[in-house]
Structures are given as structure tokens and as C-alpha cells.
């Protein structure tokens, strides 16, 4: 009883406003771009210096001079802009992005984010995420609710190296949509077949539900 990765990405996409300037983290978050609601068009930004790029090209028609920060091929559209890496980060640090959507290893109830790790299989450095989490006006996370071995990813305090402090405002998981407000996890939506107590048992910090909790619904994708 959980949403798939594509369904989580779809749900996150529903909250992106028309015309928003958006940066999607490498990997899983890149899927969000596929699910823009009808009548809305985000303007996607990538750290390596493109603004307003289009969808992925058909297999075999890639131009490998046109890639995003995750080294995946993209297409260009009328109005697409190219610029220096340094200018790209000036946009991020200058507060010109409306939304950043990232993956996570852990998210604390205070809004702290850990989305990189050290060790033999760890990402070698935090990269541009540390700029994104404090430069974007809104930071959201998409993630499974628990790790592969069933441990909570939503915790009281992060145990892994931090990407940013007090930066996350909303989390879209495989089981729920949760806001972070005043240092607490506030439940907004959950799967209809999942009880509050069951969800709490999967969460490493106290869930608060000050108002009726809506059903988390996503299409079959």
C-alpha cells in the first residue's frame, strides 16, 4: 500500500504554479517535469546553465551538447536561455527560483535536510543542493516514507551530514503529504487505506493533524 515513484512525482507536480521557475534535483526529482497539469507551464532551470528547456528527446535523437545537471539529454524551446555556470548559481543564490524539489535520505521535523552521505557508496560532495535549499523560495522533498529496510526517513533529527538547516517546507512521500510548520510534521494527506496510527509507526517523529486529513490520491501511472 504505497505510491510508486511516478505517482509521488505526479503529486508534487500538481503544486507547481504556472510560470514558476523550478529546479529539479538529479535523479528521482527529474520525473516531476513529466507531470505538469494542463494549462500550466513551469520554467525549468538547471545548474549547468540552461533556463526554459524542454522535455527529453526521443531515444537516438539526443544532442549531447544539451544536457541537464544530471547529464541527461534535454531539448530546447523558443526562449530557452544559456548562460555560464557562475551566472546559474547567481540566480540560485539571488533568490530567483520559486521552487526546488529534491530527494532525501532524511528530513527532520525542524525542516533540516540530508540528501547526501559519505562512505564507499556515498555521493562525494553535497554539490549545488546546498545552494538550492537556501536560495529557492520554496523547497519540497519527494521520497519513499521509509528506507529499503523499513527505517523512517522522516525523523526528529538527521543523523547524516546536512544539506541545509530548516529549509524544507513540504514532503511528498509514498504514503503521505506532510508540511513542516513551527518545527513539527503536519499531516495534510494520507493514503485512504492507511490509518493515522499506522502512518505514525512509520514516522520517526510525532505527526500532527490539526485539521481533517485529505485522502492522498494519484492516478495509475
Protein backbone atom coordinates (compact mmCIF):
# COMPACT_ATOMS: atom_id res chain seq x y z
CA UNK A 1 0.00 0.00 0.00
CA UNK A 2 2.15 2.84 -1.30
CA UNK A 3 2.51 5.24 -4.20
CA UNK A 4 5.05 4.46 -6.90
CA UNK A 5 7.88 6.86 -7.68
CA UNK A 6 5.98 8.18 -10.70
CA UNK A 7 2.86 8.77 -8.60
CA UNK A 8 4.86 10.69 -5.99
CA UNK A 9 6.36 12.82 -8.77
CA UNK A 10 2.88 13.41 -10.21
CA UNK A 11 1.54 14.58 -6.85
CA UNK A 12 4.42 17.01 -6.35
CA UNK A 13 3.88 18.45 -9.84
CA UNK A 14 0.29 19.40 -9.00
CA UNK A 15 1.52 22.10 -6.61
CA UNK A 16 3.80 23.89 -9.08
CA UNK A 17 2.25 27.17 -10.19
CA UNK A 18 2.05 28.29 -13.80
CA UNK A 19 5.15 30.26 -14.76
CA UNK A 20 7.16 29.19 -11.72
CA UNK A 21 10.93 28.99 -12.02
CA UNK A 22 11.78 25.46 -10.89
CA UNK A 23 14.92 23.44 -10.26
CA UNK A 24 14.56 19.66 -10.04
CA UNK A 25 17.21 17.64 -8.23
CA UNK A 26 19.22 14.95 -10.00
CA UNK A 27 17.55 11.54 -10.37
CA UNK A 28 14.08 10.90 -8.94
CA UNK A 29 13.01 14.59 -8.79
CA UNK A 30 13.62 14.99 -12.54
CA UNK A 31 10.46 12.91 -13.09
CA UNK A 32 8.31 15.79 -11.82
CA UNK A 33 8.75 17.61 -15.15
CA UNK A 34 6.70 14.91 -16.92
CA UNK A 35 3.52 15.67 -14.99
CA UNK A 36 2.73 19.35 -15.32
CA UNK A 37 -1.02 19.93 -15.03
CA UNK A 38 -2.90 21.00 -18.19
CA UNK A 39 -2.78 24.75 -18.67
CA UNK A 40 0.36 25.21 -16.57
CA UNK A 41 3.94 25.54 -17.75
CA UNK A 42 6.87 25.75 -15.36
CA UNK A 43 10.20 27.24 -16.47
CA UNK A 44 12.89 24.71 -15.60
CA UNK A 45 16.38 25.73 -14.51
CA UNK A 46 19.49 23.58 -14.37
CA UNK A 47 22.70 24.45 -12.54
CA UNK A 48 24.92 23.89 -15.56
CA UNK A 49 23.35 26.88 -17.31
CA UNK A 50 20.02 26.40 -19.11
CA UNK A 51 16.67 28.06 -18.39
CA UNK A 52 13.41 27.06 -20.04
CA UNK A 53 14.48 23.77 -21.60
CA UNK A 54 12.03 21.19 -22.88
CA UNK A 55 11.32 17.50 -22.44
CA UNK A 56 13.79 14.68 -23.03
CA UNK A 57 14.42 13.89 -26.72
CA UNK A 58 13.41 10.61 -28.30
CA UNK A 59 15.97 7.84 -27.90
CA UNK A 60 18.59 8.09 -30.62
CA UNK A 61 18.00 11.80 -31.31
CA UNK A 62 19.93 13.20 -28.35
CA UNK A 63 22.27 16.16 -28.76
CA UNK A 64 24.83 15.55 -26.02
CA UNK A 65 25.83 19.21 -26.01
CA UNK A 66 22.36 19.80 -24.49
CA UNK A 67 22.24 18.18 -21.06
CA UNK A 68 20.95 18.99 -17.60
CA UNK A 69 22.90 18.84 -14.34
CA UNK A 70 22.24 15.11 -14.15
CA UNK A 71 23.91 14.63 -17.57
CA UNK A 72 20.59 13.69 -19.17
CA UNK A 73 19.74 14.99 -22.64
CA UNK A 74 17.17 17.78 -22.92
CA UNK A 75 15.59 19.70 -25.78
CA UNK A 76 15.38 23.44 -26.29
CA UNK A 77 12.27 25.53 -26.87
CA UNK A 78 11.68 29.06 -28.18
CA UNK A 79 13.05 31.36 -25.49
CA UNK A 80 15.46 28.85 -23.94
CA UNK A 81 18.43 30.71 -22.44
CA UNK A 82 22.04 29.56 -22.00
CA UNK A 83 24.49 31.09 -19.54
CA UNK A 84 27.65 30.50 -17.54
CA UNK A 85 27.69 28.11 -14.59
CA UNK A 86 28.53 31.04 -12.30
CA UNK A 87 25.52 33.02 -13.56
CA UNK A 88 23.34 29.98 -12.93
CA UNK A 89 24.38 29.88 -9.30
CA UNK A 90 23.92 33.64 -9.04
CA UNK A 91 20.27 33.01 -9.96
CA UNK A 92 20.01 30.37 -7.25
CA UNK A 93 21.77 32.37 -4.54
CA UNK A 94 19.95 35.56 -5.52
CA UNK A 95 16.55 34.08 -4.70
CA UNK A 96 15.28 33.93 -8.28
CA UNK A 97 13.96 30.36 -8.14
CA UNK A 98 10.41 29.79 -6.93
CA UNK A 99 10.70 26.08 -6.20
CA UNK A 100 13.39 23.45 -5.69
CA UNK A 101 12.32 19.81 -5.49
CA UNK A 102 14.92 17.40 -4.14
CA UNK A 103 15.28 13.82 -2.99
CA UNK A 104 16.24 12.91 0.56
CA UNK A 105 17.90 10.36 2.79
CA UNK A 106 16.43 12.04 5.90
CA UNK A 107 14.20 15.01 6.70
CA UNK A 108 13.91 16.30 10.26
CA UNK A 109 10.77 17.75 11.81
CA UNK A 110 12.66 21.07 12.01
CA UNK A 111 12.98 21.13 8.22
CA UNK A 112 16.63 20.04 8.15
CA UNK A 113 17.56 18.02 5.05
CA UNK A 114 20.17 15.31 4.49
CA UNK A 115 20.34 14.20 0.87
CA UNK A 116 23.98 13.18 0.55
CA UNK A 117 26.21 10.84 2.50
CA UNK A 118 29.81 9.83 2.97
CA UNK A 119 31.30 6.35 2.76
CA UNK A 120 32.09 3.90 -0.04
CA UNK A 121 28.71 4.35 -1.75
CA UNK A 122 28.19 7.95 -0.75
CA UNK A 123 27.93 10.97 -3.03
CA UNK A 124 31.41 12.55 -2.99
CA UNK A 125 30.15 16.04 -2.14
CA UNK A 126 26.98 17.94 -1.34
CA UNK A 127 27.10 19.80 -4.66
CA UNK A 128 24.64 22.52 -5.68
CA UNK A 129 21.90 21.26 -3.37
CA UNK A 130 23.30 23.31 -0.50
CA UNK A 131 22.75 26.46 -2.59
CA UNK A 132 19.31 25.39 -3.79
CA UNK A 133 17.89 24.71 -0.34
CA UNK A 134 18.65 28.22 0.85
CA UNK A 135 18.22 30.08 -2.44
CA UNK A 136 14.84 28.81 -3.65
CA UNK A 137 11.73 30.43 -2.21
CA UNK A 138 10.14 27.03 -1.54
CA UNK A 139 11.90 23.70 -1.00
CA UNK A 140 9.99 20.43 -1.30
CA UNK A 141 11.18 16.84 -0.97
CA UNK A 142 9.95 13.71 -2.74
CA UNK A 143 10.87 10.40 -1.17
CA UNK A 144 9.75 6.98 -0.01
CA UNK A 145 8.37 7.23 3.52
CA UNK A 146 10.84 4.63 4.82
CA UNK A 147 14.19 3.18 3.75
CA UNK A 148 14.55 -0.16 1.98
CA UNK A 149 14.97 -1.85 5.35
CA UNK A 150 11.90 -0.13 6.83
CA UNK A 151 13.53 2.63 8.87
CA UNK A 152 11.88 6.07 8.97
CA UNK A 153 13.23 8.74 6.66
CA UNK A 154 11.20 11.41 8.48
CA UNK A 155 12.93 11.84 11.82
CA UNK A 156 13.34 14.09 14.84
CA UNK A 157 16.95 14.90 13.99
CA UNK A 158 19.03 13.91 10.97
CA UNK A 159 21.91 11.54 11.62
CA UNK A 160 23.58 12.06 8.23
CA UNK A 161 25.53 15.16 7.08
CA UNK A 162 23.15 18.05 6.49
CA UNK A 163 22.48 19.66 3.14
CA UNK A 164 20.61 22.54 4.76
CA UNK A 165 19.07 23.64 8.06
CA UNK A 166 15.39 24.50 8.44
CA UNK A 167 14.88 24.62 4.67
CA UNK A 168 12.18 22.05 3.77
CA UNK A 169 8.55 23.14 3.89
CA UNK A 170 6.69 20.19 2.30
CA UNK A 171 7.37 16.47 1.87
CA UNK A 172 5.67 14.21 -0.69
CA UNK A 173 6.15 10.58 0.30
CA UNK A 174 4.93 7.18 -0.85
CA UNK A 175 2.27 7.35 1.87
CA UNK A 176 1.50 10.99 2.71
CA UNK A 177 1.87 14.71 2.08
CA UNK A 178 3.36 16.43 5.11
CA UNK A 179 4.11 20.09 5.79
CA UNK A 180 6.74 21.34 8.21
CA UNK A 181 5.43 24.12 10.40
CA UNK A 182 6.95 25.55 13.59
CA UNK A 183 9.27 22.56 13.99
CA UNK A 184 6.57 19.91 13.55
CA UNK A 185 5.40 17.43 10.90
CA UNK A 186 1.85 18.45 9.97
CA UNK A 187 -0.09 15.79 8.07
CA UNK A 188 -2.13 17.10 5.13
CA UNK A 189 -2.89 13.98 3.07
CA UNK A 190 -2.50 10.23 3.54
CA UNK A 191 -3.46 7.08 1.68
CA UNK A 192 -7.10 6.31 2.40
CA UNK A 193 -6.41 2.70 3.40
CA UNK A 194 -3.75 3.69 5.91
CA UNK A 195 -4.70 4.64 9.46
CA UNK A 196 -3.12 7.56 11.27
CA UNK A 197 -1.56 5.16 13.79
CA UNK A 198 -0.06 3.03 11.02
CA UNK A 199 1.48 6.10 9.41
CA UNK A 200 2.78 7.30 12.78
CA UNK A 201 4.50 3.95 13.33
CA UNK A 202 6.44 4.52 10.09
CA UNK A 203 7.48 8.04 11.06
CA UNK A 204 10.40 8.86 13.33
CA UNK A 205 8.82 11.95 14.91
CA UNK A 206 5.36 12.98 16.06
CA UNK A 207 2.77 13.68 13.37
CA UNK A 208 0.30 16.49 13.99
CA UNK A 209 -3.11 16.69 12.33
CA UNK A 210 -4.78 19.97 13.42
CA UNK A 211 -7.46 19.71 10.73
CA UNK A 212 -9.17 16.94 8.73
CA UNK A 213 -6.64 14.96 6.70
CA UNK A 214 -7.43 14.63 2.99
CA UNK A 215 -7.01 11.40 1.04
CA UNK A 216 -3.81 11.13 -0.97
CA UNK A 217 -4.91 10.17 -4.46
CA UNK A 218 -2.82 9.72 -7.61
CA UNK A 219 -3.69 8.21 -11.00
CA UNK A 220 -2.30 4.88 -12.12
CA UNK A 221 0.88 5.72 -13.99
